[in-house]
Amino acid sequence: MDWTTPVSTLIGALVGVGSTLLSESVRARRDRGNQSHQLRRQLYARYLEALTSTDSDLQLLAVREEVPVAEADLRAAWRGHSLLALHYEVGLVAPPPVTGAADTAYRALRAARNALGAAGSATGGSGTPDGHPGAAGPQDVRGGYVDALAALRAAMRADVGDGRG
């Protein structure tokens, strides 16, 4: 009995199935990478939006209200854009350079918020909120936030590409 025909057919089937499985595996991995990239890109946009909107609300309070701003107004502005939830989500999804920059920006914005609530109250109008001499008003603290936000955007661009070309 001649075994070459069935053996050749079996080897051909194994090669065909193996190559199909390999190509499907490569395609699935590429699709997962694209989905992850899109997820991070959308999350970064939402986080930047929340940071910017919260900052805008805080600035509006600083213009409209007498400094120090009431704690309830500060809390309402802080909680209005799901900033903390997005901050945690960035911490779960983003690589370490982006997570570190996001944490720095979050802390800098929180310091600006705290300065709005403490300006003039703990120091009698001059010095830092903890009683040290020197200027640490809301605008002084906000400069750190602006710098941290620029660093965050740079880290995010490095992670997902700048999309400019």
N, C-alpha and C. Protein backbone atom coordinates (compact mmCIF):
# COMPACT_ATOMS: atom_id res chain seq x y z
N MET A 1 0.83 -1.17 0.00
CA MET A 1 0.00 0.00 0.00
C MET A 1 0.88 1.24 0.00
N ASP A 2 0.48 2.24 -0.76
CA ASP A 2 1.25 3.47 -0.90
C ASP A 2 0.83 4.49 0.16
N TRP A 3 1.77 4.88 1.04
CA TRP A 3 1.49 5.81 2.14
C TRP A 3 1.85 7.26 1.81
N THR A 4 2.49 7.49 0.73
CA THR A 4 2.95 8.85 0.42
C THR A 4 1.80 9.83 0.20
N THR A 5 0.73 9.40 -0.43
CA THR A 5 -0.39 10.31 -0.68
C THR A 5 -1.08 10.72 0.61
N PRO A 6 -1.47 9.79 1.50
CA PRO A 6 -2.11 10.23 2.74
C PRO A 6 -1.17 11.05 3.65
N VAL A 7 0.11 10.67 3.69
CA VAL A 7 1.07 11.40 4.51
C VAL A 7 1.24 12.82 3.96
N SER A 8 1.35 12.95 2.66
CA SER A 8 1.49 14.28 2.04
C SER A 8 0.26 15.13 2.31
N THR A 9 -0.92 14.52 2.23
CA THR A 9 -2.15 15.24 2.50
C THR A 9 -2.19 15.70 3.96
N LEU A 10 -1.81 14.84 4.88
CA LEU A 10 -1.78 15.17 6.29
C LEU A 10 -0.78 16.28 6.58
N ILE A 11 0.39 16.21 6.02
CA ILE A 11 1.41 17.26 6.22
C ILE A 11 0.91 18.58 5.63
N GLY A 12 0.30 18.55 4.48
CA GLY A 12 -0.24 19.76 3.86
C GLY A 12 -1.33 20.38 4.73
N ALA A 13 -2.19 19.54 5.31
CA ALA A 13 -3.25 20.04 6.19
C ALA A 13 -2.66 20.67 7.45
N LEU A 14 -1.66 20.02 8.03
CA LEU A 14 -1.02 20.57 9.23
C LEU A 14 -0.33 21.91 8.92
N VAL A 15 0.34 22.02 7.80
CA VAL A 15 0.99 23.27 7.42
C VAL A 15 -0.07 24.35 7.21
N GLY A 16 -1.17 24.03 6.54
CA GLY A 16 -2.23 25.00 6.29
C GLY A 16 -2.88 25.49 7.58
N VAL A 17 -3.21 24.55 8.47
CA VAL A 17 -3.83 24.93 9.75
C VAL A 17 -2.84 25.72 10.60
N GLY A 18 -1.59 25.30 10.63
CA GLY A 18 -0.57 26.00 11.41
C GLY A 18 -0.36 27.42 10.93
N SER A 19 -0.27 27.60 9.63
CA SER A 19 -0.06 28.97 9.11
C SER A 19 -1.28 29.85 9.36
N THR A 20 -2.49 29.27 9.27
CA THR A 20 -3.70 30.04 9.55
C THR A 20 -3.72 30.46 11.02
N LEU A 21 -3.40 29.54 11.92
CA LEU A 21 -3.37 29.87 13.35
C LEU A 21 -2.32 30.95 13.66
N LEU A 22 -1.16 30.83 13.03
CA LEU A 22 -0.11 31.82 13.25
C LEU A 22 -0.54 33.20 12.74
N SER A 23 -1.11 33.27 11.57
CA SER A 23 -1.52 34.57 11.04
C SER A 23 -2.66 35.17 11.87
N GLU A 24 -3.58 34.35 12.35
CA GLU A 24 -4.66 34.84 13.21
C GLU A 24 -4.12 35.36 14.54
N SER A 25 -3.12 34.67 15.08
CA SER A 25 -2.51 35.10 16.33
C SER A 25 -1.82 36.45 16.16
N VAL A 26 -1.10 36.62 15.07
CA VAL A 26 -0.43 37.90 14.80
C VAL A 26 -1.45 39.01 14.62
N ARG A 27 -2.51 38.75 13.88
CA ARG A 27 -3.55 39.75 13.65
C ARG A 27 -4.26 40.13 14.94
N ALA A 28 -4.56 39.15 15.79
CA ALA A 28 -5.23 39.42 17.06
C ALA A 28 -4.34 40.26 17.97
N ARG A 29 -3.04 39.96 18.00
CA ARG A 29 -2.11 40.73 18.82
C ARG A 29 -2.03 42.18 18.31
N ARG A 30 -1.99 42.36 17.00
CA ARG A 30 -1.96 43.70 16.43
C ARG A 30 -3.24 44.47 16.75
N ASP A 31 -4.39 43.79 16.67
CA ASP A 31 -5.66 44.43 16.99
C ASP A 31 -5.74 44.84 18.45
N ARG A 32 -5.23 43.97 19.35
CA ARG A 32 -5.20 44.32 20.77
C ARG A 32 -4.32 45.54 21.01
N GLY A 33 -3.19 45.60 20.32
CA GLY A 33 -2.31 46.77 20.45
C GLY A 33 -2.98 48.04 19.97
N ASN A 34 -3.70 47.96 18.85
CA ASN A 34 -4.42 49.13 18.33
C ASN A 34 -5.53 49.56 19.29
N GLN A 35 -6.24 48.59 19.85
CA GLN A 35 -7.30 48.92 20.81
C GLN A 35 -6.73 49.57 22.07
N SER A 36 -5.62 49.06 22.53
CA SER A 36 -4.98 49.63 23.71
C SER A 36 -4.52 51.06 23.43
N HIS A 37 -3.96 51.27 22.27
CA HIS A 37 -3.51 52.61 21.87
C HIS A 37 -4.69 53.58 21.83
N GLN A 38 -5.80 53.16 21.23
CA GLN A 38 -6.98 54.02 21.16
C GLN A 38 -7.57 54.28 22.54
N LEU A 39 -7.59 53.26 23.39
CA LEU A 39 -8.09 53.43 24.75
C LEU A 39 -7.27 54.48 25.50
N ARG A 40 -5.95 54.37 25.42
CA ARG A 40 -5.09 55.34 26.10
C ARG A 40 -5.28 56.74 25.53
N ARG A 41 -5.37 56.84 24.22
CA ARG A 41 -5.55 58.15 23.58
C ARG A 41 -6.85 58.81 24.06
N GLN A 42 -7.94 58.05 24.10
CA GLN A 42 -9.22 58.60 24.55
C GLN A 42 -9.18 58.94 26.04
N LEU A 43 -8.57 58.08 26.85
CA LEU A 43 -8.45 58.34 28.28
C LEU A 43 -7.62 59.60 28.53
N TYR A 44 -6.52 59.74 27.82
CA TYR A 44 -5.69 60.93 27.99
C TYR A 44 -6.46 62.19 27.65
N ALA A 45 -7.24 62.15 26.59
CA ALA A 45 -8.04 63.32 26.21
C ALA A 45 -9.06 63.65 27.31
N ARG A 46 -9.72 62.63 27.84
CA ARG A 46 -10.71 62.87 28.91
C ARG A 46 -10.04 63.40 30.18
N TYR A 47 -8.86 62.89 30.50
CA TYR A 47 -8.16 63.34 31.70
C TYR A 47 -7.70 64.79 31.54
N LEU A 48 -7.16 65.12 30.39
CA LEU A 48 -6.75 66.51 30.15
C LEU A 48 -7.96 67.45 30.18
N GLU A 49 -9.07 66.98 29.64
CA GLU A 49 -10.30 67.78 29.68
C GLU A 49 -10.75 68.02 31.13
N ALA A 50 -10.70 66.98 31.94
CA ALA A 50 -11.11 67.11 33.34
C ALA A 50 -10.17 68.05 34.10
N LEU A 51 -8.87 67.93 33.87
CA LEU A 51 -7.93 68.84 34.52
C LEU A 51 -8.20 70.28 34.12
N THR A 52 -8.36 70.50 32.82
CA THR A 52 -8.57 71.86 32.31
C THR A 52 -9.89 72.44 32.79
N SER A 53 -10.94 71.63 32.76
CA SER A 53 -12.25 72.12 33.21
C SER A 53 -12.25 72.43 34.70
N THR A 54 -11.60 71.59 35.49
CA THR A 54 -11.50 71.84 36.92
C THR A 54 -10.70 73.11 37.18
N ASP A 55 -9.60 73.28 36.46
CA ASP A 55 -8.80 74.49 36.60
C ASP A 55 -9.63 75.73 36.22
N SER A 56 -10.39 75.63 35.15
CA SER A 56 -11.23 76.76 34.74
C SER A 56 -12.27 77.10 35.80
N ASP A 57 -12.87 76.07 36.39
CA ASP A 57 -13.86 76.31 37.46
C ASP A 57 -13.20 76.97 38.67
N LEU A 58 -11.99 76.53 39.00
CA LEU A 58 -11.29 77.13 40.14
C LEU A 58 -10.92 78.59 39.84
N GLN A 59 -10.49 78.85 38.61
CA GLN A 59 -10.16 80.24 38.25
C GLN A 59 -11.40 81.12 38.30
N LEU A 60 -12.53 80.58 37.85
CA LEU A 60 -13.77 81.33 37.90
C LEU A 60 -14.16 81.65 39.34
N LEU A 61 -13.98 80.69 40.23
CA LEU A 61 -14.25 80.95 41.65
C LEU A 61 -13.34 82.04 42.18
N ALA A 62 -12.08 82.01 41.79
CA ALA A 62 -11.12 83.01 42.28
C ALA A 62 -11.51 84.41 41.81
N VAL A 63 -12.10 84.50 40.63
CA VAL A 63 -12.51 85.81 40.10
C VAL A 63 -13.82 86.27 40.73
N ARG A 64 -14.76 85.36 40.87
CA ARG A 64 -16.10 85.72 41.34
C ARG A 64 -16.23 85.82 42.85
N GLU A 65 -15.47 85.02 43.57
CA GLU A 65 -15.62 84.95 45.02
C GLU A 65 -14.51 85.71 45.70
N GLU A 66 -14.74 85.99 46.95
CA GLU A 66 -13.73 86.62 47.78
C GLU A 66 -12.77 85.54 48.26
N VAL A 67 -11.48 85.81 48.18
CA VAL A 67 -10.48 84.85 48.62
C VAL A 67 -10.27 85.04 50.11
N PRO A 68 -10.28 84.01 50.93
CA PRO A 68 -10.34 82.61 50.58
C PRO A 68 -11.73 82.17 50.14
N VAL A 69 -11.76 81.27 49.19
CA VAL A 69 -13.01 80.75 48.66
C VAL A 69 -13.56 79.72 49.65
N ALA A 70 -14.87 79.70 49.78
CA ALA A 70 -15.53 78.77 50.70
C ALA A 70 -15.22 77.32 50.31
N GLU A 71 -15.01 76.51 51.33
CA GLU A 71 -14.67 75.10 51.13
C GLU A 71 -15.72 74.36 50.29
N ALA A 72 -16.99 74.64 50.52
CA ALA A 72 -18.06 73.96 49.77
C ALA A 72 -17.96 74.30 48.28
N ASP A 73 -17.65 75.54 47.95
CA ASP A 73 -17.51 75.93 46.54
C ASP A 73 -16.30 75.26 45.90
N LEU A 74 -15.21 75.17 46.66
CA LEU A 74 -14.01 74.50 46.15
C LEU A 74 -14.28 73.01 45.90
N ARG A 75 -14.96 72.38 46.83
CA ARG A 75 -15.27 70.96 46.66
C ARG A 75 -16.18 70.72 45.47
N ALA A 76 -17.15 71.59 45.27
CA ALA A 76 -18.06 71.44 44.14
C ALA A 76 -17.30 71.58 42.82
N ALA A 77 -16.41 72.54 42.75
CA ALA A 77 -15.61 72.72 41.53
C ALA A 77 -14.68 71.53 41.30
N TRP A 78 -14.13 71.00 42.39
CA TRP A 78 -13.19 69.88 42.29
C TRP A 78 -13.88 68.59 41.85
N ARG A 79 -15.08 68.37 42.33
CA ARG A 79 -15.78 67.11 42.06
C ARG A 79 -16.60 67.13 40.78
N GLY A 80 -16.71 68.26 40.14
CA GLY A 80 -17.62 68.41 39.01
C GLY A 80 -17.21 67.72 37.73
N HIS A 81 -15.98 67.21 37.62
CA HIS A 81 -15.53 66.67 36.33
C HIS A 81 -14.92 65.27 36.44
N SER A 82 -15.22 64.55 37.50
CA SER A 82 -14.73 63.17 37.70
C SER A 82 -13.21 63.08 37.62
N LEU A 83 -12.54 64.10 38.10
CA LEU A 83 -11.08 64.16 37.99
C LEU A 83 -10.40 63.02 38.74
N LEU A 84 -10.85 62.73 39.95
CA LEU A 84 -10.20 61.68 40.73
C LEU A 84 -10.37 60.31 40.08
N ALA A 85 -11.56 60.02 39.58
CA ALA A 85 -11.79 58.73 38.92
C ALA A 85 -10.91 58.59 37.69
N LEU A 86 -10.80 59.63 36.91
CA LEU A 86 -9.94 59.58 35.72
C LEU A 86 -8.47 59.48 36.11
N HIS A 87 -8.10 60.13 37.21
CA HIS A 87 -6.72 60.03 37.69
C HIS A 87 -6.38 58.58 38.03
N TYR A 88 -7.28 57.90 38.71
CA TYR A 88 -7.07 56.49 39.03
C TYR A 88 -7.02 55.64 37.76
N GLU A 89 -7.87 55.94 36.80
CA GLU A 89 -7.89 55.17 35.55
C GLU A 89 -6.57 55.34 34.79
N VAL A 90 -6.06 56.56 34.75
CA VAL A 90 -4.76 56.79 34.11
C VAL A 90 -3.68 55.97 34.83
N GLY A 91 -3.76 55.92 36.15
CA GLY A 91 -2.80 55.13 36.91
C GLY A 91 -2.83 53.65 36.58
N LEU A 92 -3.99 53.16 36.19
CA LEU A 92 -4.12 51.74 35.83
C LEU A 92 -3.67 51.43 34.41
N VAL A 93 -3.89 52.36 33.50
CA VAL A 93 -3.71 52.09 32.07
C VAL A 93 -2.38 52.60 31.51
N ALA A 94 -1.93 53.72 32.00
CA ALA A 94 -0.78 54.41 31.40
C ALA A 94 0.54 53.81 31.85
N PRO A 95 1.58 53.98 31.04
CA PRO A 95 2.92 53.55 31.45
C PRO A 95 3.47 54.49 32.54
N PRO A 96 4.51 54.07 33.25
CA PRO A 96 5.03 54.86 34.37
C PRO A 96 5.36 56.33 34.07
N PRO A 97 5.95 56.68 32.93
CA PRO A 97 6.23 58.11 32.71
C PRO A 97 4.96 58.96 32.67
N VAL A 98 3.90 58.44 32.07
CA VAL A 98 2.64 59.18 31.99
C VAL A 98 1.97 59.20 33.36
N THR A 99 2.01 58.09 34.06
CA THR A 99 1.41 58.03 35.40
C THR A 99 2.08 59.03 36.34
N GLY A 100 3.39 59.10 36.30
CA GLY A 100 4.10 60.05 37.14
C GLY A 100 3.76 61.50 36.80
N ALA A 101 3.72 61.81 35.52
CA ALA A 101 3.38 63.17 35.10
C ALA A 101 1.93 63.50 35.44
N ALA A 102 1.03 62.52 35.31
CA ALA A 102 -0.38 62.75 35.65
C ALA A 102 -0.52 63.00 37.14
N ASP A 103 0.21 62.26 37.95
CA ASP A 103 0.16 62.47 39.39
C ASP A 103 0.71 63.84 39.78
N THR A 104 1.78 64.26 39.14
CA THR A 104 2.35 65.58 39.41
C THR A 104 1.36 66.69 39.05
N ALA A 105 0.71 66.57 37.90
CA ALA A 105 -0.27 67.58 37.48
C ALA A 105 -1.47 67.60 38.43
N TYR A 106 -1.93 66.42 38.83
CA TYR A 106 -3.06 66.34 39.75
C TYR A 106 -2.72 67.01 41.08
N ARG A 107 -1.54 66.69 41.61
CA ARG A 107 -1.12 67.27 42.89
C ARG A 107 -0.92 68.79 42.78
N ALA A 108 -0.42 69.25 41.64
CA ALA A 108 -0.22 70.69 41.47
C ALA A 108 -1.56 71.42 41.40
N LEU A 109 -2.53 70.82 40.71
CA LEU A 109 -3.86 71.44 40.66
C LEU A 109 -4.51 71.42 42.04
N ARG A 110 -4.32 70.35 42.78
CA ARG A 110 -4.86 70.27 44.14
C ARG A 110 -4.21 71.33 45.04
N ALA A 111 -2.92 71.56 44.85
CA ALA A 111 -2.24 72.61 45.63
C ALA A 111 -2.81 73.98 45.28
N ALA A 112 -3.13 74.20 44.00
CA ALA A 112 -3.74 75.47 43.60
C ALA A 112 -5.13 75.62 44.23
N ARG A 113 -5.87 74.52 44.25
CA ARG A 113 -7.19 74.54 44.91
C ARG A 113 -7.05 74.88 46.38
N ASN A 114 -6.11 74.23 47.05
CA ASN A 114 -5.89 74.47 48.47
C ASN A 114 -5.44 75.90 48.73
N ALA A 115 -4.66 76.46 47.83
CA ALA A 115 -4.22 77.85 47.99
C ALA A 115 -5.40 78.80 47.89
N LEU A 116 -6.37 78.48 47.05
CA LEU A 116 -7.57 79.33 46.95
C LEU A 116 -8.36 79.31 48.26
N GLY A 117 -8.38 78.16 48.90
CA GLY A 117 -9.13 78.04 50.15
C GLY A 117 -8.39 78.60 51.34
N ALA A 118 -7.07 78.66 51.26
CA ALA A 118 -6.29 79.10 52.40
C ALA A 118 -5.73 80.50 52.25
N ALA A 119 -5.81 81.06 51.06
CA ALA A 119 -5.19 82.38 50.81
C ALA A 119 -5.75 83.42 51.76
N GLY A 120 -4.86 84.00 52.50
CA GLY A 120 -5.25 85.08 53.40
C GLY A 120 -5.82 84.61 54.73
N SER A 121 -6.28 83.37 54.84
CA SER A 121 -6.94 82.95 56.08
C SER A 121 -5.95 82.48 57.13
N ALA A 122 -4.99 81.67 56.74
CA ALA A 122 -4.08 81.10 57.73
C ALA A 122 -2.89 82.00 58.00
N THR A 123 -2.68 82.99 57.16
CA THR A 123 -1.48 83.79 57.30
C THR A 123 -1.76 85.25 57.56
N GLY A 124 -3.02 85.61 57.62
CA GLY A 124 -3.33 87.01 57.80
C GLY A 124 -3.08 87.81 56.55
N GLY A 125 -3.01 87.16 55.40
CA GLY A 125 -2.90 87.87 54.14
C GLY A 125 -1.51 87.84 53.53
N SER A 126 -0.51 87.33 54.23
CA SER A 126 0.80 87.24 53.62
C SER A 126 1.47 85.94 54.04
N GLY A 127 2.36 85.47 53.21
CA GLY A 127 3.08 84.25 53.53
C GLY A 127 2.36 83.03 53.00
N THR A 128 2.90 81.88 53.35
CA THR A 128 2.32 80.63 52.90
C THR A 128 1.25 80.18 53.87
N PRO A 129 0.37 79.27 53.45
CA PRO A 129 -0.70 78.82 54.33
C PRO A 129 -0.20 78.16 55.62
N ASP A 130 1.02 77.61 55.59
CA ASP A 130 1.51 76.97 56.81
C ASP A 130 2.29 77.95 57.70
N GLY A 131 2.25 79.26 57.37
CA GLY A 131 2.81 80.27 58.25
C GLY A 131 4.21 80.72 57.91
N HIS A 132 4.83 80.14 56.87
CA HIS A 132 6.17 80.55 56.49
C HIS A 132 6.11 81.87 55.72
N PRO A 133 7.09 82.73 55.89
CA PRO A 133 7.07 83.98 55.15
C PRO A 133 7.29 83.74 53.67
N GLY A 134 6.81 84.64 52.86
CA GLY A 134 6.96 84.53 51.41
C GLY A 134 5.61 84.43 50.76
N ALA A 135 5.60 84.62 49.48
CA ALA A 135 4.34 84.61 48.72
C ALA A 135 4.03 83.22 48.22
N ALA A 136 2.83 82.76 48.51
CA ALA A 136 2.36 81.48 47.99
C ALA A 136 0.89 81.61 47.69
N GLY A 137 0.53 82.67 47.00
CA GLY A 137 -0.86 82.88 46.65
C GLY A 137 -1.29 81.94 45.55
N PRO A 138 -2.58 81.98 45.22
CA PRO A 138 -3.11 81.08 44.20
C PRO A 138 -2.38 81.19 42.87
N GLN A 139 -2.01 82.38 42.45
CA GLN A 139 -1.32 82.53 41.17
C GLN A 139 0.10 81.98 41.22
N ASP A 140 0.74 82.09 42.38
CA ASP A 140 2.08 81.54 42.53
C ASP A 140 2.05 80.01 42.42
N VAL A 141 1.08 79.41 43.05
CA VAL A 141 0.95 77.95 43.03
C VAL A 141 0.50 77.47 41.66
N ARG A 142 -0.33 78.24 40.98
CA ARG A 142 -0.86 77.84 39.69
C ARG A 142 0.24 77.68 38.63
N GLY A 143 1.32 78.43 38.75
CA GLY A 143 2.44 78.30 37.82
C GLY A 143 3.00 76.89 37.81
N GLY A 144 3.06 76.26 38.98
CA GLY A 144 3.52 74.87 39.05
C GLY A 144 2.58 73.93 38.33
N TYR A 145 1.28 74.23 38.40
CA TYR A 145 0.30 73.41 37.68
C TYR A 145 0.47 73.55 36.18
N VAL A 146 0.67 74.76 35.70
CA VAL A 146 0.84 74.99 34.26
C VAL A 146 2.06 74.22 33.75
N ASP A 147 3.15 74.25 34.50
CA ASP A 147 4.35 73.52 34.10
C ASP A 147 4.11 72.01 34.13
N ALA A 148 3.41 71.53 35.16
CA ALA A 148 3.12 70.10 35.27
C ALA A 148 2.20 69.64 34.15
N LEU A 149 1.26 70.49 33.76
CA LEU A 149 0.35 70.14 32.66
C LEU A 149 1.11 70.03 31.34
N ALA A 150 2.06 70.93 31.10
CA ALA A 150 2.87 70.85 29.88
C ALA A 150 3.71 69.58 29.87
N ALA A 151 4.27 69.20 31.00
CA ALA A 151 5.04 67.95 31.09
C ALA A 151 4.15 66.74 30.87
N LEU A 152 2.92 66.79 31.39
CA LEU A 152 1.98 65.69 31.20
C LEU A 152 1.63 65.53 29.72
N ARG A 153 1.34 66.63 29.05
CA ARG A 153 1.01 66.55 27.62
C ARG A 153 2.18 65.97 26.83
N ALA A 154 3.40 66.36 27.16
CA ALA A 154 4.58 65.83 26.48
C ALA A 154 4.71 64.32 26.70
N ALA A 155 4.48 63.87 27.92
CA ALA A 155 4.56 62.43 28.22
C ALA A 155 3.48 61.66 27.48
N MET A 156 2.28 62.23 27.43
CA MET A 156 1.19 61.56 26.71
C MET A 156 1.48 61.49 25.22
N ARG A 157 2.01 62.57 24.65
CA ARG A 157 2.36 62.54 23.23
C ARG A 157 3.42 61.49 22.95
N ALA A 158 4.40 61.39 23.83
CA ALA A 158 5.45 60.39 23.65
C ALA A 158 4.87 58.98 23.70
N ASP A 159 3.83 58.77 24.49
CA ASP A 159 3.24 57.44 24.62
C ASP A 159 2.38 57.07 23.41
N VAL A 160 1.52 57.98 22.98
CA VAL A 160 0.58 57.63 21.90
C VAL A 160 0.94 58.24 20.56
N GLY A 161 2.01 58.99 20.50
CA GLY A 161 2.36 59.68 19.26
C GLY A 161 1.70 61.05 19.26
N ASP A 162 2.33 62.00 18.60
CA ASP A 162 1.79 63.35 18.67
C ASP A 162 0.65 63.59 17.70
N GLY A 163 0.44 62.72 16.73
CA GLY A 163 -0.70 62.88 15.81
C GLY A 163 -0.58 64.09 14.92
N ARG A 164 0.62 64.61 14.76
CA ARG A 164 0.79 65.83 13.97
C ARG A 164 1.38 65.55 12.59
N GLY A 165 1.51 64.32 12.25
CA GLY A 165 2.17 64.09 10.97
C GLY A 165 1.55 63.02 10.25
